[in-house]
């Protein structure tokens, strides 16, 4: 009886860890990611420094040079506080080619805040997987043709590739 109770306790404590693990492999994303993955690994990615302002979202992916969260001076407090030892950055966009659903995909794990008209947009969908070369997560947002800010935080490295593409 005592052994059974001990095993049950161990399994109960391990359950949150097992449930929190993300799937592994490119085939584990919730929707096709071929277009996003190709953009994130293409050699023609636009290089951006944190704080850059662009007229519109580039047709190609971007590589953000990130800094410490303190140095980044994000315009809006992230919805999730960055962990110590991570990097952050942001870019301002005056518009998107047309209002609609966009996927924002990242080459590495990070927290994204899309801020438009003073409010953080809520994701329409999220998918992520480990062990998929070039892409780590992708999130869908409905973005209007108004200016918006993309904030990235919690990145382990000082650079990350980002693609903002119309959802297919």
N, C-alpha and C. Protein backbone atom coordinates (compact mmCIF):
# COMPACT_ATOMS: atom_id res chain seq x y z
N UNK A 1 0.82 -1.19 0.00
CA UNK A 1 0.00 0.00 0.00
C UNK A 1 0.87 1.26 0.00
N UNK A 2 1.90 1.22 0.83
CA UNK A 2 2.78 2.38 0.94
C UNK A 2 3.50 2.64 -0.39
N UNK A 3 3.96 1.56 -1.05
CA UNK A 3 4.63 1.69 -2.35
C UNK A 3 3.67 2.25 -3.40
N UNK A 4 2.45 1.79 -3.39
CA UNK A 4 1.45 2.27 -4.35
C UNK A 4 1.21 3.77 -4.16
N UNK A 5 1.13 4.20 -2.90
CA UNK A 5 0.93 5.62 -2.62
C UNK A 5 2.12 6.44 -3.09
N UNK A 6 3.32 5.94 -2.88
CA UNK A 6 4.54 6.62 -3.31
C UNK A 6 4.58 6.73 -4.84
N UNK A 7 4.25 5.68 -5.54
CA UNK A 7 4.22 5.69 -7.01
C UNK A 7 3.17 6.68 -7.51
N UNK A 8 2.00 6.66 -6.91
CA UNK A 8 0.93 7.59 -7.30
C UNK A 8 1.38 9.04 -7.10
N UNK A 9 2.04 9.30 -5.99
CA UNK A 9 2.53 10.65 -5.71
C UNK A 9 3.57 11.09 -6.73
N UNK A 10 4.48 10.19 -7.08
CA UNK A 10 5.50 10.51 -8.07
C UNK A 10 4.88 10.78 -9.44
N UNK A 11 3.92 9.97 -9.84
CA UNK A 11 3.24 10.17 -11.12
C UNK A 11 2.46 11.49 -11.13
N UNK A 12 1.80 11.80 -10.04
CA UNK A 12 1.02 13.03 -9.94
C UNK A 12 1.94 14.25 -10.07
N UNK A 13 3.09 14.23 -9.42
CA UNK A 13 4.04 15.33 -9.49
C UNK A 13 4.70 15.44 -10.85
N UNK A 14 4.86 14.35 -11.57
CA UNK A 14 5.48 14.37 -12.90
C UNK A 14 4.50 14.77 -13.99
N UNK A 15 3.21 14.64 -13.76
CA UNK A 15 2.20 14.92 -14.79
C UNK A 15 2.30 16.31 -15.38
N UNK A 16 2.43 17.39 -14.59
CA UNK A 16 2.54 18.72 -15.20
C UNK A 16 3.77 18.85 -16.09
N UNK A 17 4.88 18.21 -15.72
CA UNK A 17 6.08 18.27 -16.53
C UNK A 17 5.86 17.58 -17.86
N UNK A 18 5.24 16.42 -17.84
CA UNK A 18 4.98 15.70 -19.08
C UNK A 18 4.01 16.46 -19.96
N UNK A 19 2.97 17.05 -19.38
CA UNK A 19 1.98 17.78 -20.16
C UNK A 19 2.56 19.06 -20.75
N UNK A 20 3.56 19.65 -20.10
CA UNK A 20 4.12 20.91 -20.55
C UNK A 20 5.12 20.74 -21.70
N UNK A 21 5.59 19.54 -21.94
CA UNK A 21 6.55 19.32 -23.01
C UNK A 21 5.90 19.60 -24.35
N UNK A 22 6.62 20.31 -25.21
CA UNK A 22 6.09 20.60 -26.53
C UNK A 22 6.42 19.46 -27.47
N UNK A 23 5.63 19.31 -28.52
CA UNK A 23 5.91 18.25 -29.49
C UNK A 23 7.25 18.47 -30.19
N UNK A 24 7.80 17.41 -30.73
CA UNK A 24 9.09 17.45 -31.39
C UNK A 24 8.94 17.08 -32.86
N UNK A 25 9.49 17.90 -33.75
CA UNK A 25 9.48 17.60 -35.17
C UNK A 25 8.61 18.55 -35.98
N UNK A 26 9.02 18.78 -37.23
CA UNK A 26 8.31 19.73 -38.10
C UNK A 26 6.88 19.31 -38.41
N UNK A 27 6.60 18.04 -38.34
CA UNK A 27 5.25 17.56 -38.64
C UNK A 27 4.29 17.72 -37.46
N UNK A 28 4.76 18.29 -36.36
CA UNK A 28 3.92 18.43 -35.17
C UNK A 28 3.24 19.80 -35.05
N UNK A 29 3.51 20.72 -35.97
CA UNK A 29 2.81 22.00 -35.94
C UNK A 29 1.34 21.79 -36.28
N UNK A 30 0.48 22.67 -35.81
CA UNK A 30 -0.96 22.53 -35.99
C UNK A 30 -1.42 22.86 -37.40
N UNK A 31 -0.60 23.59 -38.16
CA UNK A 31 -0.93 23.92 -39.55
C UNK A 31 0.36 23.88 -40.36
N UNK A 32 0.25 23.84 -41.69
CA UNK A 32 1.47 23.78 -42.52
C UNK A 32 2.38 24.99 -42.27
N UNK A 33 3.68 24.73 -42.19
CA UNK A 33 4.64 25.79 -41.88
C UNK A 33 5.73 25.91 -42.95
N UNK A 34 5.56 25.27 -44.09
CA UNK A 34 6.60 25.26 -45.11
C UNK A 34 6.97 26.67 -45.57
N UNK A 35 5.97 27.51 -45.83
CA UNK A 35 6.21 28.87 -46.31
C UNK A 35 6.96 29.69 -45.25
N UNK A 36 6.52 29.60 -44.00
CA UNK A 36 7.15 30.32 -42.91
C UNK A 36 8.58 29.84 -42.68
N UNK A 37 8.76 28.55 -42.71
CA UNK A 37 10.09 27.96 -42.48
C UNK A 37 11.05 28.38 -43.59
N UNK A 38 10.58 28.38 -44.83
CA UNK A 38 11.42 28.81 -45.95
C UNK A 38 11.83 30.28 -45.79
N UNK A 39 10.89 31.12 -45.36
CA UNK A 39 11.20 32.54 -45.17
C UNK A 39 12.22 32.73 -44.06
N UNK A 40 12.07 31.99 -42.97
CA UNK A 40 12.97 32.14 -41.82
C UNK A 40 14.39 31.66 -42.10
N UNK A 41 14.56 30.80 -43.09
CA UNK A 41 15.89 30.27 -43.40
C UNK A 41 16.46 30.85 -44.69
N UNK A 42 15.73 31.71 -45.38
CA UNK A 42 16.20 32.30 -46.64
C UNK A 42 17.38 33.25 -46.38
N UNK A 43 18.31 33.34 -47.31
CA UNK A 43 19.47 34.21 -47.11
C UNK A 43 19.15 35.71 -47.24
N UNK A 44 17.99 36.07 -47.79
CA UNK A 44 17.67 37.48 -48.03
C UNK A 44 16.89 38.15 -46.90
N UNK A 45 17.01 37.63 -45.68
CA UNK A 45 16.31 38.23 -44.54
C UNK A 45 16.80 39.66 -44.29
N UNK A 46 15.87 40.55 -44.00
CA UNK A 46 16.18 41.94 -43.69
C UNK A 46 16.79 41.98 -42.28
N UNK A 47 17.90 42.67 -42.12
CA UNK A 47 18.54 42.79 -40.80
C UNK A 47 18.05 44.06 -40.13
N UNK A 48 17.57 43.91 -38.89
CA UNK A 48 17.02 45.04 -38.14
C UNK A 48 17.65 45.16 -36.76
N UNK A 49 17.82 46.37 -36.34
CA UNK A 49 18.22 46.65 -34.96
C UNK A 49 16.95 46.90 -34.16
N UNK A 50 17.00 46.65 -32.88
CA UNK A 50 15.85 46.92 -32.03
C UNK A 50 15.52 48.40 -32.10
N UNK A 51 14.22 48.69 -32.23
CA UNK A 51 13.76 50.07 -32.30
C UNK A 51 13.55 50.59 -33.71
N UNK A 52 13.83 49.76 -34.71
CA UNK A 52 13.67 50.17 -36.10
C UNK A 52 12.21 50.46 -36.41
N UNK A 53 11.98 51.45 -37.26
CA UNK A 53 10.62 51.75 -37.75
C UNK A 53 10.60 51.52 -39.25
N UNK A 54 9.61 50.76 -39.70
CA UNK A 54 9.47 50.43 -41.12
C UNK A 54 8.12 50.93 -41.64
N UNK A 55 8.08 51.29 -42.90
CA UNK A 55 6.84 51.76 -43.52
C UNK A 55 5.81 50.64 -43.59
N UNK A 56 6.28 49.44 -43.90
CA UNK A 56 5.38 48.30 -43.99
C UNK A 56 6.14 47.03 -43.64
N UNK A 57 5.43 45.94 -43.51
CA UNK A 57 6.03 44.65 -43.21
C UNK A 57 6.76 44.16 -44.47
N UNK A 58 8.04 43.80 -44.35
CA UNK A 58 8.77 43.29 -45.52
C UNK A 58 8.17 41.99 -46.04
N UNK A 59 8.34 41.75 -47.32
CA UNK A 59 7.87 40.49 -47.92
C UNK A 59 8.74 39.32 -47.51
N UNK A 60 9.94 39.61 -47.03
CA UNK A 60 10.86 38.57 -46.58
C UNK A 60 10.87 38.53 -45.06
N UNK A 61 11.55 37.54 -44.53
CA UNK A 61 11.72 37.47 -43.07
C UNK A 61 12.74 38.51 -42.64
N UNK A 62 12.81 38.73 -41.34
CA UNK A 62 13.74 39.70 -40.76
C UNK A 62 14.59 39.00 -39.71
N UNK A 63 15.80 39.47 -39.53
CA UNK A 63 16.64 39.01 -38.44
C UNK A 63 16.84 40.19 -37.50
N UNK A 64 16.33 40.05 -36.28
CA UNK A 64 16.42 41.10 -35.28
C UNK A 64 17.69 40.93 -34.47
N UNK A 65 18.46 42.01 -34.35
CA UNK A 65 19.56 42.07 -33.40
C UNK A 65 18.94 42.50 -32.07
N UNK A 66 19.10 41.68 -31.05
CA UNK A 66 18.45 41.92 -29.76
C UNK A 66 19.46 42.41 -28.72
N UNK A 67 18.93 43.00 -27.69
CA UNK A 67 19.73 43.52 -26.58
C UNK A 67 19.09 43.05 -25.28
N UNK A 68 19.68 43.41 -24.16
CA UNK A 68 19.07 43.04 -22.89
C UNK A 68 17.71 43.73 -22.77
N UNK A 69 16.79 43.18 -22.00
CA UNK A 69 15.48 43.82 -21.85
C UNK A 69 15.56 45.27 -21.39
N UNK A 70 16.50 45.58 -20.51
CA UNK A 70 16.66 46.96 -20.03
C UNK A 70 17.08 47.87 -21.18
N UNK A 71 18.05 47.43 -21.97
CA UNK A 71 18.52 48.22 -23.11
C UNK A 71 17.47 48.34 -24.20
N UNK A 72 16.61 47.33 -24.34
CA UNK A 72 15.60 47.33 -25.41
C UNK A 72 14.58 48.44 -25.24
N UNK A 73 14.29 48.80 -24.00
CA UNK A 73 13.28 49.83 -23.72
C UNK A 73 12.01 49.59 -24.53
N UNK A 74 11.44 48.40 -24.34
CA UNK A 74 10.20 48.06 -25.05
C UNK A 74 9.13 49.11 -24.78
N UNK A 75 8.41 49.53 -25.82
CA UNK A 75 7.40 50.57 -25.64
C UNK A 75 6.27 50.19 -24.68
N UNK A 76 5.94 48.91 -24.64
CA UNK A 76 4.88 48.41 -23.76
C UNK A 76 5.44 47.28 -22.92
N UNK A 77 5.04 47.24 -21.67
CA UNK A 77 5.49 46.16 -20.80
C UNK A 77 5.02 44.82 -21.37
N UNK A 78 5.93 43.85 -21.55
CA UNK A 78 5.52 42.55 -22.08
C UNK A 78 4.50 41.86 -21.17
N UNK A 79 3.59 41.12 -21.76
CA UNK A 79 2.60 40.39 -20.97
C UNK A 79 3.26 39.30 -20.13
N UNK A 80 4.44 38.86 -20.54
CA UNK A 80 5.21 37.88 -19.75
C UNK A 80 6.58 38.50 -19.50
N UNK A 81 6.93 38.62 -18.24
CA UNK A 81 8.21 39.23 -17.87
C UNK A 81 9.36 38.37 -18.39
N UNK A 82 10.36 39.00 -19.04
CA UNK A 82 11.51 38.24 -19.54
C UNK A 82 12.36 37.69 -18.40
N UNK A 83 12.88 36.50 -18.60
CA UNK A 83 13.76 35.89 -17.60
C UNK A 83 15.14 36.54 -17.67
N UNK A 84 15.86 36.47 -16.56
CA UNK A 84 17.22 36.98 -16.51
C UNK A 84 18.08 36.26 -17.55
N UNK A 85 18.99 37.01 -18.16
CA UNK A 85 19.90 36.41 -19.13
C UNK A 85 19.32 36.26 -20.52
N UNK A 86 18.12 36.82 -20.77
CA UNK A 86 17.52 36.73 -22.09
C UNK A 86 17.63 38.08 -22.81
N UNK A 87 17.21 38.10 -24.07
CA UNK A 87 17.32 39.29 -24.90
C UNK A 87 15.96 39.70 -25.42
N UNK A 88 15.87 40.97 -25.85
CA UNK A 88 14.59 41.51 -26.31
C UNK A 88 14.83 42.56 -27.39
N UNK A 89 13.74 42.92 -28.07
CA UNK A 89 13.80 43.97 -29.08
C UNK A 89 12.41 44.25 -29.62
N UNK A 90 12.32 45.30 -30.43
CA UNK A 90 11.03 45.64 -31.02
C UNK A 90 11.23 46.37 -32.34
N UNK A 91 10.16 46.41 -33.11
CA UNK A 91 10.12 47.19 -34.35
C UNK A 91 8.73 47.78 -34.48
N UNK A 92 8.69 48.96 -35.08
CA UNK A 92 7.42 49.63 -35.36
C UNK A 92 7.14 49.51 -36.86
N UNK A 93 5.89 49.20 -37.17
CA UNK A 93 5.45 49.10 -38.56
C UNK A 93 4.30 50.08 -38.77
N UNK A 94 4.38 50.88 -39.82
CA UNK A 94 3.32 51.86 -40.08
C UNK A 94 2.07 51.20 -40.64
N UNK A 95 2.23 50.06 -41.31
CA UNK A 95 1.07 49.36 -41.87
C UNK A 95 1.45 47.95 -42.29
N UNK A 96 0.45 47.17 -42.64
CA UNK A 96 0.64 45.88 -43.28
C UNK A 96 0.09 46.01 -44.70
N UNK A 97 0.47 45.14 -45.63
CA UNK A 97 -0.03 45.27 -47.00
C UNK A 97 -1.56 45.35 -47.08
N UNK A 98 -2.25 44.56 -46.25
CA UNK A 98 -3.71 44.65 -46.15
C UNK A 98 -4.14 44.05 -44.81
N UNK A 99 -5.25 44.54 -44.29
CA UNK A 99 -5.77 44.00 -43.03
C UNK A 99 -6.08 42.52 -43.19
N UNK A 100 -5.85 41.75 -42.13
CA UNK A 100 -6.18 40.33 -42.19
C UNK A 100 -5.43 39.53 -41.14
N UNK A 101 -5.49 38.22 -41.30
CA UNK A 101 -4.82 37.29 -40.40
C UNK A 101 -3.39 37.09 -40.90
N UNK A 102 -2.43 37.27 -40.00
CA UNK A 102 -1.02 37.08 -40.31
C UNK A 102 -0.43 36.06 -39.35
N UNK A 103 0.54 35.29 -39.85
CA UNK A 103 1.31 34.43 -38.97
C UNK A 103 2.61 35.16 -38.66
N UNK A 104 2.96 35.17 -37.39
CA UNK A 104 4.25 35.69 -36.97
C UNK A 104 5.02 34.48 -36.47
N UNK A 105 6.08 34.15 -37.19
CA UNK A 105 6.85 32.95 -36.90
C UNK A 105 8.25 33.31 -36.46
N UNK A 106 8.78 32.51 -35.55
CA UNK A 106 10.10 32.76 -34.96
C UNK A 106 11.01 31.55 -35.13
N UNK A 107 12.29 31.85 -35.26
CA UNK A 107 13.28 30.78 -35.37
C UNK A 107 13.66 30.20 -34.02
N UNK A 108 13.32 30.88 -32.94
CA UNK A 108 13.69 30.44 -31.59
C UNK A 108 12.54 30.71 -30.64
N UNK A 109 12.59 30.09 -29.48
CA UNK A 109 11.59 30.33 -28.46
C UNK A 109 11.66 31.77 -27.97
N UNK A 110 10.51 32.40 -27.80
CA UNK A 110 10.44 33.79 -27.36
C UNK A 110 9.01 34.12 -27.01
N UNK A 111 8.83 35.28 -26.38
CA UNK A 111 7.50 35.82 -26.12
C UNK A 111 7.27 36.95 -27.12
N UNK A 112 6.08 36.98 -27.71
CA UNK A 112 5.73 38.02 -28.67
C UNK A 112 4.56 38.82 -28.12
N UNK A 113 4.67 40.14 -28.26
CA UNK A 113 3.54 41.03 -28.02
C UNK A 113 3.35 41.85 -29.29
N UNK A 114 2.13 41.85 -29.82
CA UNK A 114 1.79 42.71 -30.94
C UNK A 114 0.86 43.77 -30.37
N UNK A 115 1.31 45.02 -30.44
CA UNK A 115 0.57 46.12 -29.83
C UNK A 115 0.07 47.04 -30.94
N UNK A 116 -1.25 47.22 -30.97
CA UNK A 116 -1.87 48.07 -31.99
C UNK A 116 -2.93 48.93 -31.31
N UNK A 117 -2.89 50.21 -31.60
CA UNK A 117 -3.83 51.18 -31.02
C UNK A 117 -3.83 51.11 -29.49
N UNK A 118 -2.64 50.92 -28.92
CA UNK A 118 -2.49 50.93 -27.47
C UNK A 118 -2.87 49.65 -26.75
N UNK A 119 -3.23 48.60 -27.50
CA UNK A 119 -3.67 47.35 -26.88
C UNK A 119 -2.89 46.16 -27.45
N UNK A 120 -2.56 45.22 -26.58
CA UNK A 120 -1.93 43.99 -27.03
C UNK A 120 -2.98 43.14 -27.74
N UNK A 121 -2.67 42.73 -28.97
CA UNK A 121 -3.59 41.88 -29.71
C UNK A 121 -3.56 40.47 -29.13
N UNK A 122 -4.70 39.84 -29.13
CA UNK A 122 -4.79 38.46 -28.65
C UNK A 122 -4.56 37.51 -29.82
N UNK A 123 -3.75 36.48 -29.61
CA UNK A 123 -3.50 35.52 -30.70
C UNK A 123 -4.77 34.80 -31.13
N UNK A 124 -4.86 34.50 -32.41
CA UNK A 124 -5.95 33.70 -32.97
C UNK A 124 -5.62 32.22 -32.95
N UNK A 125 -4.34 31.92 -32.82
CA UNK A 125 -3.89 30.53 -32.78
C UNK A 125 -2.40 30.49 -32.52
N UNK A 126 -1.93 29.40 -31.96
CA UNK A 126 -0.53 29.23 -31.61
C UNK A 126 -0.11 27.81 -31.94
N UNK A 127 1.10 27.66 -32.45
CA UNK A 127 1.65 26.33 -32.66
C UNK A 127 3.16 26.40 -32.49
N UNK A 128 3.71 25.39 -31.89
CA UNK A 128 5.15 25.34 -31.70
C UNK A 128 5.62 23.91 -31.61
N UNK A 129 6.87 23.71 -31.95
CA UNK A 129 7.48 22.39 -31.85
C UNK A 129 8.98 22.57 -31.75
N UNK A 130 9.60 21.65 -31.06
CA UNK A 130 11.06 21.65 -30.98
C UNK A 130 11.61 20.78 -32.10
N UNK A 131 12.89 20.84 -32.29
CA UNK A 131 13.58 19.97 -33.26
C UNK A 131 13.08 20.12 -34.68
N UNK A 132 12.80 21.35 -35.09
CA UNK A 132 12.43 21.64 -36.47
C UNK A 132 13.35 22.77 -36.92
N UNK A 133 14.32 22.44 -37.73
CA UNK A 133 15.34 23.39 -38.14
C UNK A 133 14.73 24.64 -38.77
N UNK A 134 15.06 25.81 -38.20
CA UNK A 134 14.64 27.08 -38.77
C UNK A 134 13.41 27.71 -38.16
N UNK A 135 12.54 26.93 -37.54
CA UNK A 135 11.31 27.49 -36.97
C UNK A 135 11.03 26.83 -35.63
N UNK A 136 10.60 27.64 -34.69
CA UNK A 136 10.30 27.14 -33.34
C UNK A 136 8.83 27.33 -32.97
N UNK A 137 8.27 28.49 -33.39
CA UNK A 137 6.86 28.73 -33.07
C UNK A 137 6.25 29.64 -34.11
N UNK A 138 4.93 29.58 -34.20
CA UNK A 138 4.19 30.44 -35.11
C UNK A 138 2.86 30.80 -34.45
N UNK A 139 2.49 32.06 -34.57
CA UNK A 139 1.28 32.56 -33.91
C UNK A 139 0.47 33.35 -34.93
N UNK A 140 -0.84 33.20 -34.91
CA UNK A 140 -1.71 33.94 -35.82
C UNK A 140 -2.35 35.12 -35.09
N UNK A 141 -2.30 36.28 -35.76
CA UNK A 141 -2.92 37.50 -35.24
C UNK A 141 -3.74 38.14 -36.34
N UNK A 142 -4.82 38.79 -35.95
CA UNK A 142 -5.56 39.63 -36.89
C UNK A 142 -5.00 41.04 -36.74
N UNK A 143 -4.39 41.53 -37.82
CA UNK A 143 -3.74 42.84 -37.79
C UNK A 143 -4.43 43.75 -38.80
N UNK A 144 -4.84 44.93 -38.34
CA UNK A 144 -5.45 45.91 -39.24
C UNK A 144 -4.35 46.73 -39.91
N UNK A 145 -4.72 47.54 -40.89
CA UNK A 145 -3.75 48.33 -41.65
C UNK A 145 -3.23 49.54 -40.88
N UNK A 146 -3.46 49.60 -39.59
CA UNK A 146 -2.96 50.69 -38.74
C UNK A 146 -1.56 50.37 -38.23
N UNK A 147 -0.84 51.38 -37.75
CA UNK A 147 0.50 51.13 -37.18
C UNK A 147 0.44 50.11 -36.03
N UNK A 148 1.51 49.34 -35.92
CA UNK A 148 1.61 48.39 -34.80
C UNK A 148 3.07 48.22 -34.41
N UNK A 149 3.25 47.68 -33.22
CA UNK A 149 4.59 47.40 -32.69
C UNK A 149 4.69 45.91 -32.44
N UNK A 150 5.78 45.32 -32.90
CA UNK A 150 6.10 43.93 -32.61
C UNK A 150 7.19 43.93 -31.56
N UNK A 151 6.89 43.35 -30.40
CA UNK A 151 7.86 43.23 -29.32
C UNK A 151 8.23 41.77 -29.14
N UNK A 152 9.50 41.52 -29.00
CA UNK A 152 10.01 40.17 -28.80
C UNK A 152 10.83 40.18 -27.52
N UNK A 153 10.60 39.22 -26.66
CA UNK A 153 11.36 39.15 -25.41
C UNK A 153 11.54 37.69 -25.00
N UNK A 154 12.46 37.49 -24.06
CA UNK A 154 12.69 36.14 -23.55
C UNK A 154 13.49 35.25 -24.48
N UNK A 155 14.25 35.83 -25.40
CA UNK A 155 15.05 35.05 -26.35
C UNK A 155 16.39 34.73 -25.71
N UNK A 156 16.84 33.52 -25.84
CA UNK A 156 18.10 33.10 -25.22
C UNK A 156 19.33 33.64 -25.94
N UNK A 157 19.21 33.87 -27.26
CA UNK A 157 20.32 34.39 -28.05
C UNK A 157 20.08 35.87 -28.35
N UNK A 158 21.11 36.55 -28.84
CA UNK A 158 20.98 37.98 -29.11
C UNK A 158 20.49 38.29 -30.53
N UNK A 159 19.94 37.29 -31.21
CA UNK A 159 19.35 37.49 -32.52
C UNK A 159 18.26 36.43 -32.73
N UNK A 160 17.24 36.81 -33.50
CA UNK A 160 16.17 35.88 -33.82
C UNK A 160 15.62 36.26 -35.19
N UNK A 161 15.26 35.25 -35.97
CA UNK A 161 14.61 35.51 -37.26
C UNK A 161 13.11 35.50 -37.06
N UNK A 162 12.43 36.45 -37.74
CA UNK A 162 10.99 36.63 -37.62
C UNK A 162 10.40 36.77 -39.01
N UNK A 163 9.30 36.10 -39.25
CA UNK A 163 8.55 36.26 -40.50
C UNK A 163 7.13 36.67 -40.16
N UNK A 164 6.65 37.73 -40.79
CA UNK A 164 5.26 38.17 -40.66
C UNK A 164 4.64 37.99 -42.03
N UNK A 165 3.82 36.96 -42.17
CA UNK A 165 3.28 36.60 -43.48
C UNK A 165 1.77 36.47 -43.42
N UNK A 166 1.09 36.79 -44.52
CA UNK A 166 -0.36 36.56 -44.54
C UNK A 166 -0.64 35.07 -44.32
N UNK A 167 -1.63 34.78 -43.50
CA UNK A 167 -1.99 33.38 -43.23
C UNK A 167 -2.58 32.77 -44.50
N UNK A 168 -2.25 31.53 -44.74
CA UNK A 168 -2.76 30.86 -45.93
C UNK A 168 -4.00 30.08 -45.61
